[in-house]
Amino acid sequence: MENCLECTELTRRFGPVAALDAVSLRIAPGRVVGLLGPNGSGKTTLIKLATGLLTPTAGRIAVCGLAPGKESKALVSYLPDRMCLPEWMSAEELMDYYADFFADFDRAKAADMLARLGLRAEQKVSQMSKGTKEKVQLVLVMSRSAKLYLLDEPIGGVDPATRDYILDTIIRNYSEDAGVVISTHLISDVENVLDDVIFLREGKVAMQASADDMREQYGKSVDAVFREVFKC
């Protein structure tokens, strides 16, 4: 089966600075992968390259065997690291919006999850709490039948209960033929849902392994290994 995401010697420069430097990696279907690294390590740049929002300076990136473009974008469901829901839209209008843009959007699934959050269809984004907005944005993203879910800091800045809801939503709503990439620096919160981990440091892959192999090799948690690798 085709890899959900594959990078070969992928490089992206901003002027003289290499945000990504000859990165090679593969993400297989059915795997939840933690893309882990300190701020400025290249996590968001890699995700934006996979979505087609950025183009490579050198090297190759492919989504399900396709170079980023119109066809690959139809296979990718992307959660940015910032809130992008229009404040004036209601929950109903958000579902209309996603249904118009994405053929694989499951409106019934989204409506059910939004109802479980206690949202009325007419409730505006401006009337929602910060945590609820985070949940709603994730519900919309995870209600697509995508082949690759790219989630950039999905649990950043929200309370522990909201984090639990978000992680549970991720795990319950992706199919086994899809890959999930979770970019975060809150490793202890996501560790239990990860199949594989990729450590990025200054635009390079510092370490890549299955979460279980890493724990067995080092005799400690992924979070503890991360702290050791990146200690100041």
C-alpha atoms as a PDB file:
ATOM      1  CA  MET A   1       0.000   0.000   0.000  1.00  0.00           C
ATOM      2  CA  GLU A   2       1.224   3.501  -0.886  1.00  0.00           C
ATOM      3  CA  ASN A   3       2.737   5.561   1.927  1.00  0.00           C
ATOM      4  CA  CYS A   4       0.465   8.380   3.107  1.00  0.00           C
ATOM      5  CA  LEU A   5       3.428  10.734   3.171  1.00  0.00           C
ATOM      6  CA  GLU A   6       6.953  10.300   1.820  1.00  0.00           C
ATOM      7  CA  CYS A   7       9.811  12.794   1.811  1.00  0.00           C
ATOM      8  CA  THR A   8      13.181  12.311   0.143  1.00  0.00           C
ATOM      9  CA  GLU A   9      15.995  14.770   0.838  1.00  0.00           C
ATOM     10  CA  LEU A  10      13.322  17.433   1.349  1.00  0.00           C
ATOM     11  CA  THR A  11      14.715  20.936   1.831  1.00  0.00           C
ATOM     12  CA  ARG A  12      12.972  24.246   2.326  1.00  0.00           C
ATOM     13  CA  ARG A  13      14.913  27.480   2.705  1.00  0.00           C
ATOM     14  CA  PHE A  14      13.747  30.938   3.680  1.00  0.00           C
ATOM     15  CA  GLY A  15      16.576  33.063   2.354  1.00  0.00           C
ATOM     16  CA  PRO A  16      19.809  31.685   3.828  1.00  0.00           C
ATOM     17  CA  VAL A  17      17.988  29.758   6.574  1.00  0.00           C
ATOM     18  CA  ALA A  18      17.108  26.084   6.032  1.00  0.00           C
ATOM     19  CA  ALA A  19      13.840  25.425   7.872  1.00  0.00           C
ATOM     20  CA  LEU A  20      14.104  21.832   6.599  1.00  0.00           C
ATOM     21  CA  ASP A  21      17.408  20.329   5.534  1.00  0.00           C
ATOM     22  CA  ALA A  22      17.469  17.073   3.530  1.00  0.00           C
ATOM     23  CA  VAL A  23      14.638  15.404   5.460  1.00  0.00           C
ATOM     24  CA  SER A  24      13.739  11.839   4.473  1.00  0.00           C
ATOM     25  CA  LEU A  25      10.829  10.006   6.113  1.00  0.00           C
ATOM     26  CA  ARG A  26       7.830   7.786   5.412  1.00  0.00           C
ATOM     27  CA  ILE A  27       4.423   7.590   7.069  1.00  0.00           C
ATOM     28  CA  ALA A  28       2.417   4.431   6.411  1.00  0.00           C
ATOM     29  CA  PRO A  29      -1.372   4.027   6.471  1.00  0.00           C
ATOM     30  CA  GLY A  30      -2.909   3.171   9.824  1.00  0.00           C
ATOM     31  CA  ARG A  31      -0.194   4.890  11.854  1.00  0.00           C
ATOM     32  CA  VAL A  32      -0.502   7.799  14.275  1.00  0.00           C
ATOM     33  CA  VAL A  33       2.802   9.647  14.143  1.00  0.00           C
ATOM     34  CA  GLY A  34       4.111  12.251  16.548  1.00  0.00           C
ATOM     35  CA  LEU A  35       6.101  14.977  14.779  1.00  0.00           C
ATOM     36  CA  LEU A  36       8.065  16.246  17.750  1.00  0.00           C
ATOM     37  CA  GLY A  37      10.603  18.979  18.253  1.00  0.00           C
ATOM     38  CA  PRO A  38      11.194  22.328  19.942  1.00  0.00           C
ATOM     39  CA  ASN A  39       9.941  25.578  18.452  1.00  0.00           C
ATOM     40  CA  GLY A  40      11.731  26.386  15.200  1.00  0.00           C
ATOM     41  CA  SER A  41      12.608  22.758  14.432  1.00  0.00           C
ATOM     42  CA  GLY A  42      10.661  22.660  11.144  1.00  0.00           C
ATOM     43  CA  LYS A  43       7.428  20.903  12.144  1.00  0.00           C
ATOM     44  CA  THR A  44       5.016  23.464  10.720  1.00  0.00           C
ATOM     45  CA  THR A  45       7.137  23.912   7.595  1.00  0.00           C
ATOM     46  CA  LEU A  46       6.956  20.174   6.890  1.00  0.00           C
ATOM     47  CA  ILE A  47       3.190  20.148   7.360  1.00  0.00           C
ATOM     48  CA  LYS A  48       2.719  23.156   5.086  1.00  0.00           C
ATOM     49  CA  LEU A  49       4.834  21.484   2.407  1.00  0.00           C
ATOM     50  CA  ALA A  50       2.593  18.403   2.614  1.00  0.00           C
ATOM     51  CA  THR A  51      -0.526  20.546   2.258  1.00  0.00           C
ATOM     52  CA  GLY A  52       0.898  22.421  -0.719  1.00  0.00           C
ATOM     53  CA  LEU A  53       0.927  25.766   1.109  1.00  0.00           C
ATOM     54  CA  LEU A  54       4.706  25.867   0.609  1.00  0.00           C
ATOM     55  CA  THR A  55       6.863  24.458  -2.175  1.00  0.00           C
ATOM     56  CA  PRO A  56      10.202  22.666  -1.659  1.00  0.00           C
ATOM     57  CA  THR A  57      13.525  24.330  -2.346  1.00  0.00           C
ATOM     58  CA  ALA A  58      14.955  20.894  -3.134  1.00  0.00           C
ATOM     59  CA  GLY A  59      14.073  17.234  -2.748  1.00  0.00           C
ATOM     60  CA  ARG A  60      10.738  15.466  -3.092  1.00  0.00           C
ATOM     61  CA  ILE A  61       7.518  15.178  -1.101  1.00  0.00           C
ATOM     62  CA  ALA A  62       4.547  12.992  -2.018  1.00  0.00           C
ATOM     63  CA  VAL A  63       1.095  12.401  -0.528  1.00  0.00           C
ATOM     64  CA  CYS A  64      -0.165   8.926  -1.435  1.00  0.00           C
ATOM     65  CA  GLY A  65       2.320   8.956  -4.316  1.00  0.00           C
ATOM     66  CA  LEU A  66       1.189  12.361  -5.596  1.00  0.00           C
ATOM     67  CA  ALA A  67       3.157  15.586  -5.620  1.00  0.00           C
ATOM     68  CA  PRO A  68       1.333  18.298  -3.644  1.00  0.00           C
ATOM     69  CA  GLY A  69      -1.335  19.814  -5.884  1.00  0.00           C
ATOM     70  CA  LYS A  70      -5.065  19.689  -6.621  1.00  0.00           C
ATOM     71  CA  GLU A  71      -5.304  15.888  -6.474  1.00  0.00           C
ATOM     72  CA  SER A  72      -3.256  15.487  -3.289  1.00  0.00           C
ATOM     73  CA  LYS A  73      -5.116  18.288  -1.502  1.00  0.00           C
ATOM     74  CA  ALA A  74      -8.327  16.305  -1.854  1.00  0.00           C
ATOM     75  CA  LEU A  75      -6.695  13.549   0.231  1.00  0.00           C
ATOM     76  CA  VAL A  76      -5.398  15.759   3.061  1.00  0.00           C
ATOM     77  CA  SER A  77      -7.341  17.074   6.049  1.00  0.00           C
ATOM     78  CA  TYR A  78      -5.374  19.877   7.698  1.00  0.00           C
ATOM     79  CA  LEU A  79      -5.723  21.431  11.147  1.00  0.00           C
ATOM     80  CA  PRO A  80      -3.601  24.600  11.301  1.00  0.00           C
ATOM     81  CA  ASP A  81      -1.862  25.724  14.469  1.00  0.00           C
ATOM     82  CA  ARG A  82      -4.102  28.805  14.678  1.00  0.00           C
ATOM     83  CA  MET A  83      -7.848  29.241  14.893  1.00  0.00           C
ATOM     84  CA  CYS A  84      -9.232  29.719  11.366  1.00  0.00           C
ATOM     85  CA  LEU A  85     -13.007  29.597  11.903  1.00  0.00           C
ATOM     86  CA  PRO A  86     -14.786  32.817  10.848  1.00  0.00           C
ATOM     87  CA  GLU A  87     -16.277  34.380  13.991  1.00  0.00           C
ATOM     88  CA  TRP A  88     -19.526  35.323  12.214  1.00  0.00           C
ATOM     89  CA  MET A  89     -20.348  31.780  11.105  1.00  0.00           C
ATOM     90  CA  SER A  90     -22.717  29.472  12.996  1.00  0.00           C
ATOM     91  CA  ALA A  91     -22.189  25.747  13.567  1.00  0.00           C
ATOM     92  CA  GLU A  92     -24.701  25.090  10.773  1.00  0.00           C
ATOM     93  CA  GLU A  93     -22.897  27.419   8.366  1.00  0.00           C
ATOM     94  CA  LEU A  94     -19.544  25.810   9.179  1.00  0.00           C
ATOM     95  CA  MET A  95     -20.897  22.417   8.176  1.00  0.00           C
ATOM     96  CA  ASP A  96     -22.341  23.918   4.977  1.00  0.00           C
ATOM     97  CA  TYR A  97     -18.930  25.442   4.261  1.00  0.00           C
ATOM     98  CA  TYR A  98     -17.044  22.162   4.713  1.00  0.00           C
ATOM     99  CA  ALA A  99     -19.659  20.206   2.732  1.00  0.00           C
ATOM    100  CA  ASP A 100     -19.257  22.653  -0.184  1.00  0.00           C
ATOM    101  CA  PHE A 101     -15.466  22.400  -0.207  1.00  0.00           C
ATOM    102  CA  PHE A 102     -14.851  18.726   0.574  1.00  0.00           C
ATOM    103  CA  ALA A 103     -16.572  15.824  -1.178  1.00  0.00           C
ATOM    104  CA  ASP A 104     -15.466  13.455   1.610  1.00  0.00           C
ATOM    105  CA  PHE A 105     -17.013  15.524   4.428  1.00  0.00           C
ATOM    106  CA  ASP A 106     -19.457  13.448   6.522  1.00  0.00           C
ATOM    107  CA  ARG A 107     -22.022  16.005   7.602  1.00  0.00           C
ATOM    108  CA  ALA A 108     -23.998  13.543   9.744  1.00  0.00           C
ATOM    109  CA  LYS A 109     -20.871  12.621  11.701  1.00  0.00           C
ATOM    110  CA  ALA A 110     -19.977  16.273  12.234  1.00  0.00           C
ATOM    111  CA  ALA A 111     -23.521  17.182  13.299  1.00  0.00           C
ATOM    112  CA  ASP A 112     -23.569  14.331  15.809  1.00  0.00           C
ATOM    113  CA  MET A 113     -20.236  15.331  17.372  1.00  0.00           C
ATOM    114  CA  LEU A 114     -21.186  19.016  17.501  1.00  0.00           C
ATOM    115  CA  ALA A 115     -24.487  18.094  19.176  1.00  0.00           C
ATOM    116  CA  ARG A 116     -22.531  16.098  21.764  1.00  0.00           C
ATOM    117  CA  LEU A 117     -20.632  19.292  22.528  1.00  0.00           C
ATOM    118  CA  GLY A 118     -23.964  20.902  23.348  1.00  0.00           C
ATOM    119  CA  LEU A 119     -23.835  23.311  20.402  1.00  0.00           C
ATOM    120  CA  ARG A 120     -27.010  24.630  18.842  1.00  0.00           C
ATOM    121  CA  ALA A 121     -26.951  24.798  15.036  1.00  0.00           C
ATOM    122  CA  GLU A 122     -27.443  28.576  15.124  1.00  0.00           C
ATOM    123  CA  GLN A 123     -24.672  29.229  17.672  1.00  0.00           C
ATOM    124  CA  LYS A 124     -21.994  31.549  16.280  1.00  0.00           C
ATOM    125  CA  VAL A 125     -18.261  30.948  16.635  1.00  0.00           C
ATOM    126  CA  SER A 126     -18.065  34.309  18.429  1.00  0.00           C
ATOM    127  CA  GLN A 127     -20.315  32.860  21.157  1.00  0.00           C
ATOM    128  CA  MET A 128     -18.078  29.849  21.784  1.00  0.00           C
ATOM    129  CA  SER A 129     -15.341  29.531  24.403  1.00  0.00           C
ATOM    130  CA  LYS A 130     -11.730  29.094  23.278  1.00  0.00           C
ATOM    131  CA  GLY A 131     -11.802  25.393  24.153  1.00  0.00           C
ATOM    132  CA  THR A 132     -15.069  24.870  22.289  1.00  0.00           C
ATOM    133  CA  LYS A 133     -13.680  26.590  19.191  1.00  0.00           C
ATOM    134  CA  GLU A 134     -10.693  24.213  19.290  1.00  0.00           C
ATOM    135  CA  LYS A 135     -13.021  21.235  19.545  1.00  0.00           C
ATOM    136  CA  VAL A 136     -15.270  22.444  16.725  1.00  0.00           C
ATOM    137  CA  GLN A 137     -12.345  23.025  14.379  1.00  0.00           C
ATOM    138  CA  LEU A 138     -11.037  19.524  15.077  1.00  0.00           C
ATOM    139  CA  VAL A 139     -14.498  17.941  14.647  1.00  0.00           C
ATOM    140  CA  LEU A 140     -14.761  19.493  11.182  1.00  0.00           C
ATOM    141  CA  VAL A 141     -11.282  18.284  10.210  1.00  0.00           C
ATOM    142  CA  MET A 142     -11.854  14.750  11.521  1.00  0.00           C
ATOM    143  CA  SER A 143     -15.280  14.457   9.850  1.00  0.00           C
ATOM    144  CA  ARG A 144     -13.576  14.057   6.496  1.00  0.00           C
ATOM    145  CA  SER A 145     -12.654  10.648   5.066  1.00  0.00           C
ATOM    146  CA  ALA A 146      -9.119  11.741   4.243  1.00  0.00           C
ATOM    147  CA  LYS A 147      -6.030   9.638   3.586  1.00  0.00           C
ATOM    148  CA  LEU A 148      -3.735  11.925   5.590  1.00  0.00           C
ATOM    149  CA  TYR A 149      -4.632  14.032   8.615  1.00  0.00           C
ATOM    150  CA  LEU A 150      -2.128  16.774   9.423  1.00  0.00           C
ATOM    151  CA  LEU A 151      -2.763  18.220  12.874  1.00  0.00           C
ATOM    152  CA  ASP A 152      -0.514  21.124  13.856  1.00  0.00           C
ATOM    153  CA  GLU A 153      -0.523  21.675  17.643  1.00  0.00           C
ATOM    154  CA  PRO A 154      -4.067  20.317  18.130  1.00  0.00           C
ATOM    155  CA  ILE A 155      -3.822  20.449  21.943  1.00  0.00           C
ATOM    156  CA  GLY A 156      -1.786  23.618  22.410  1.00  0.00           C
ATOM    157  CA  GLY A 157      -3.262  26.161  24.804  1.00  0.00           C
ATOM    158  CA  VAL A 158      -6.309  24.169  25.935  1.00  0.00           C
ATOM    159  CA  ASP A 159      -7.173  22.685  29.331  1.00  0.00           C
ATOM    160  CA  PRO A 160      -6.478  19.000  30.181  1.00  0.00           C
ATOM    161  CA  ALA A 161     -10.127  17.946  29.795  1.00  0.00           C
ATOM    162  CA  THR A 162     -10.262  19.489  26.328  1.00  0.00           C
ATOM    163  CA  ARG A 163      -6.993  17.740  25.442  1.00  0.00           C
ATOM    164  CA  ASP A 164      -8.535  14.397  26.379  1.00  0.00           C
ATOM    165  CA  TYR A 165     -11.582  15.114  24.211  1.00  0.00           C
ATOM    166  CA  ILE A 166      -9.416  16.143  21.259  1.00  0.00           C
ATOM    167  CA  LEU A 167      -7.198  13.047  21.431  1.00  0.00           C
ATOM    168  CA  ASP A 168     -10.225  10.763  21.795  1.00  0.00           C
ATOM    169  CA  THR A 169     -11.836  12.435  18.760  1.00  0.00           C
ATOM    170  CA  ILE A 170      -8.676  11.896  16.701  1.00  0.00           C
ATOM    171  CA  ILE A 171      -8.388   8.213  17.566  1.00  0.00           C
ATOM    172  CA  ARG A 172     -12.095   7.449  17.061  1.00  0.00           C
ATOM    173  CA  ASN A 173     -12.464   9.173  13.702  1.00  0.00           C
ATOM    174  CA  TYR A 174      -9.637   8.179  11.398  1.00  0.00           C
ATOM    175  CA  SER A 175      -9.742   5.033   9.277  1.00  0.00           C
ATOM    176  CA  GLU A 176      -7.109   2.323   9.253  1.00  0.00           C
ATOM    177  CA  ASP A 177      -6.099   3.158   5.685  1.00  0.00           C
ATOM    178  CA  ALA A 178      -5.233   6.742   6.677  1.00  0.00           C
ATOM    179  CA  GLY A 179      -2.209   8.232   8.390  1.00  0.00           C
ATOM    180  CA  VAL A 180      -2.307  10.824  11.159  1.00  0.00           C
ATOM    181  CA  VAL A 181       0.496  13.280  11.910  1.00  0.00           C
ATOM    182  CA  ILE A 182       0.298  15.132  15.231  1.00  0.00           C
ATOM    183  CA  SER A 183       2.763  17.984  15.594  1.00  0.00           C
ATOM    184  CA  THR A 184       3.182  19.014  19.223  1.00  0.00           C
ATOM    185  CA  HIS A 185       5.613  19.841  21.998  1.00  0.00           C
ATOM    186  CA  LEU A 186       3.212  18.446  24.659  1.00  0.00           C
ATOM    187  CA  ILE A 187       4.577  14.940  24.321  1.00  0.00           C
ATOM    188  CA  SER A 188       3.396  13.452  27.607  1.00  0.00           C
ATOM    189  CA  ASP A 189      -0.204  14.310  26.668  1.00  0.00           C
ATOM    190  CA  VAL A 190      -0.125  12.520  23.295  1.00  0.00           C
ATOM    191  CA  GLU A 191       2.365   9.725  23.946  1.00  0.00           C
ATOM    192  CA  ASN A 192      -0.245   7.032  24.607  1.00  0.00           C
ATOM    193  CA  VAL A 193      -1.880   7.474  21.187  1.00  0.00           C
ATOM    194  CA  LEU A 194       1.326   7.452  19.120  1.00  0.00           C
ATOM    195  CA  ASP A 195       2.471   4.504  17.027  1.00  0.00           C
ATOM    196  CA  ASP A 196       5.621   6.205  15.729  1.00  0.00           C
ATOM    197  CA  VAL A 197       7.675   9.265  16.598  1.00  0.00           C
ATOM    198  CA  ILE A 198       9.857  11.584  14.549  1.00  0.00           C
ATOM    199  CA  PHE A 199      12.155  14.027  16.339  1.00  0.00           C
ATOM    200  CA  LEU A 200      13.105  17.132  14.370  1.00  0.00           C
ATOM    201  CA  ARG A 201      16.001  19.346  15.367  1.00  0.00           C
ATOM    202  CA  GLU A 202      16.989  22.474  13.415  1.00  0.00           C
ATOM    203  CA  GLY A 203      15.322  21.168  10.267  1.00  0.00           C
ATOM    204  CA  LYS A 204      16.858  17.681  10.382  1.00  0.00           C
ATOM    205  CA  VAL A 205      15.524  14.304  11.504  1.00  0.00           C
ATOM    206  CA  ALA A 206      17.260  13.655  14.822  1.00  0.00           C
ATOM    207  CA  MET A 207      15.480  10.364  15.530  1.00  0.00           C
ATOM    208  CA  GLN A 208      12.735   8.224  13.991  1.00  0.00           C
ATOM    209  CA  ALA A 209      11.306   5.013  15.488  1.00  0.00           C
ATOM    210  CA  SER A 210       8.167   3.283  16.643  1.00  0.00           C
ATOM    211  CA  ALA A 211       7.076   4.504  20.073  1.00  0.00           C
ATOM    212  CA  ASP A 212       7.278   0.984  21.517  1.00  0.00           C
ATOM    213  CA  ASP A 213      10.791   0.396  20.146  1.00  0.00           C
ATOM    214  CA  MET A 214      11.959   3.703  21.583  1.00  0.00           C
ATOM    215  CA  ARG A 215      10.584   2.906  25.028  1.00  0.00           C
ATOM    216  CA  GLU A 216      12.124  -0.576  24.934  1.00  0.00           C
ATOM    217  CA  GLN A 217      15.515   0.635  23.715  1.00  0.00           C
ATOM    218  CA  TYR A 218      15.876   3.455  26.227  1.00  0.00           C
ATOM    219  CA  GLY A 219      13.853   2.010  29.106  1.00  0.00           C
ATOM    220  CA  LYS A 220      11.910   5.243  29.524  1.00  0.00           C
ATOM    221  CA  SER A 221       8.962   7.141  28.096  1.00  0.00           C
ATOM    222  CA  VAL A 222       9.066   8.953  24.754  1.00  0.00           C
ATOM    223  CA  ASP A 223       8.704  12.204  26.705  1.00  0.00           C
ATOM    224  CA  ALA A 224      11.770  11.337  28.797  1.00  0.00           C
ATOM    225  CA  VAL A 225      13.788  10.411  25.702  1.00  0.00           C
ATOM    226  CA  PHE A 226      12.752  13.706  24.092  1.00  0.00           C
ATOM    227  CA  ARG A 227      13.873  15.682  27.145  1.00  0.00           C
ATOM    228  CA  GLU A 228      17.233  13.899  27.077  1.00  0.00           C
ATOM    229  CA  VAL A 229      17.793  14.436  23.348  1.00  0.00           C
ATOM    230  CA  PHE A 230      16.829  18.112  23.448  1.00  0.00           C
ATOM    231  CA  LYS A 231      18.099  19.138  26.872  1.00  0.00           C
ATOM    232  CA  CYS A 232      19.766  22.550  26.948  1.00  0.00           C
END
